[in-house]
Protein backbone atom coordinates (compact mmCIF):
# COMPACT_ATOMS: atom_id res chain seq x y z
CA MET A 1 -38.85 -5.61 52.31
CA SER A 2 -40.85 -4.33 49.21
CA TYR A 3 -41.29 -0.87 47.81
CA ILE A 4 -45.16 -0.13 47.68
CA SER A 5 -46.86 2.42 45.64
CA GLU A 6 -50.28 3.96 45.33
CA VAL A 7 -51.38 4.68 42.05
CA VAL A 8 -54.39 6.27 40.11
CA VAL A 9 -54.95 6.58 36.66
CA ARG A 10 -57.74 8.81 35.11
CA PHE A 11 -58.75 8.73 31.24
CA THR A 12 -60.80 10.46 28.93
CA ASP A 13 -63.67 8.89 27.08
CA ASN A 14 -61.47 8.60 23.87
CA ALA A 15 -58.71 7.03 25.85
CA THR A 16 -61.10 4.68 27.79
CA LYS A 17 -61.63 2.93 24.28
CA VAL A 18 -58.09 2.79 23.23
CA VAL A 19 -57.36 1.26 26.85
CA LYS A 20 -59.87 -1.40 26.23
CA LYS A 21 -58.34 -2.36 22.95
CA PHE A 22 -54.89 -2.64 24.74
CA TYR A 23 -56.66 -4.83 27.60
CA GLU A 24 -58.18 -7.26 24.84
CA LEU A 25 -54.76 -7.53 22.96
CA ASP A 26 -51.84 -7.34 25.43
CA LYS A 27 -51.66 -9.78 28.49
CA GLN A 28 -49.49 -7.87 30.45
CA ILE A 29 -51.58 -4.85 30.12
CA LYS A 30 -54.84 -7.33 31.14
CA GLU A 31 -52.59 -8.60 33.98
CA ILE A 32 -51.82 -5.34 35.47
CA ILE A 33 -55.09 -4.10 35.09
CA ASP A 34 -56.92 -7.17 36.71
CA ASP A 35 -54.66 -6.87 39.48
CA SER A 36 -56.00 -3.28 40.32
CA ASP A 37 -58.59 -2.47 42.89
CA ASP A 38 -61.23 -1.93 40.61
CA ASN A 39 -64.13 -4.18 39.44
CA TRP A 40 -63.96 -4.01 35.63
CA SER A 41 -67.51 -5.56 35.13
CA ASP A 42 -68.33 -2.84 32.93
CA PHE A 43 -65.14 -1.70 30.78
CA ASP A 44 -66.97 0.37 28.50
CA HIS A 45 -67.55 2.81 31.51
CA ILE A 46 -63.88 2.85 32.94
CA SER A 47 -62.60 6.31 33.73
CA CYS A 48 -60.09 5.49 36.86
CA ILE A 49 -57.77 2.76 37.51
CA TYR A 50 -56.91 2.40 41.10
CA TRP A 51 -54.04 0.33 42.76
CA ASN A 52 -53.83 0.69 46.44
CA GLU A 53 -50.70 -1.62 47.05
CA ILE A 54 -48.79 -2.30 43.98
CA LYS A 55 -45.06 -2.90 43.20
CA TRP A 56 -44.52 -0.04 40.42
CA TYR A 57 -40.89 -0.80 39.09
CA GLU A 58 -40.96 0.96 35.81
CA ASP A 59 -37.38 -0.27 34.90
CA THR A 60 -37.80 -3.62 35.74
CA ASP A 61 -41.16 -4.77 35.41
CA GLU A 62 -42.69 -5.71 32.43
CA GLY A 63 -46.22 -5.26 33.18
CA VAL A 64 -45.71 -1.66 34.39
CA MET A 65 -43.44 -1.12 31.17
CA ALA A 66 -46.19 -2.02 29.09
CA PHE A 67 -48.65 -0.19 30.74
CA MET A 68 -46.23 2.88 30.59
CA HIS A 69 -45.97 2.59 27.00
CA MET A 70 -49.44 2.40 26.25
CA LEU A 71 -49.98 5.64 28.31
CA ASP A 72 -47.59 7.15 26.11
CA GLU A 73 -49.37 5.83 22.95
CA ILE A 74 -52.64 7.28 24.52
CA GLY A 75 -50.71 10.89 24.77
CA GLU A 76 -50.56 13.02 28.26
CA GLU A 77 -53.47 14.85 27.26
CA ASN A 78 -55.65 12.08 27.47
CA TYR A 79 -54.86 10.62 30.72
CA GLY A 80 -53.76 11.77 34.32
CA MET A 81 -51.60 9.76 36.65
CA ILE A 82 -50.36 9.94 40.16
CA ARG A 83 -47.91 7.65 42.00
CA ILE A 84 -47.17 7.80 45.86
CA GLY A 85 -44.45 5.96 47.14
CA ASP A 86 -43.81 5.04 50.62
CA ASP A 87 -41.39 8.09 51.28
CA PHE A 88 -42.90 11.16 52.13
CA ASP A 89 -41.51 13.13 48.84
CA ASP A 90 -41.83 10.17 46.50
CA VAL A 91 -44.79 11.68 44.38
CA GLU A 92 -45.09 11.49 40.73
CA TYR A 93 -47.30 12.90 38.24
CA TYR A 94 -47.88 12.01 34.39
CA GLY A 95 -49.88 13.09 31.80
CA ASN A 96 -52.39 16.12 32.52
CA THR A 97 -53.36 15.66 35.93
CA CYS A 98 -54.96 19.15 36.29
CA ASP A 99 -57.62 18.70 33.71
CA PHE A 100 -58.56 15.56 35.93
CA GLN A 101 -58.77 17.66 38.80
CA MET A 102 -55.87 15.17 40.38
CA TYR A 103 -54.05 15.96 43.50
CA VAL A 104 -52.09 14.80 46.37
CA ASN A 105 -53.70 15.65 49.87
CA ARG A 106 -51.70 14.55 52.75
CA SER A 107 -53.18 15.06 56.44
CA ILE A 108 -52.97 13.57 59.85
CA GLU A 109 -55.97 11.93 61.03
CA TRP A 110 -56.87 10.59 64.67
């Protein structure tokens, strides 16, 4: 059984330009962004990348490691990221999620 995460990353306008360059130059970055649940027909207007079900292994997946390295290069003030794992208490925050008005909301629906 695989461990699946939901991941959302939001960027400032300036960071979007840097992400576009990484996308064009790094095959692993391109592959992981292409695997997202978004349609990237207009890369100049990216503000968010979303993966609904992804194996997000920061220590062993080369694409994820490259993406996280890219975020380090961008600087935490220029992005916000939240990863939610399968377990209820498995939530990780990266960057500056407050400035992007990002939060986790869990509820019961029926």
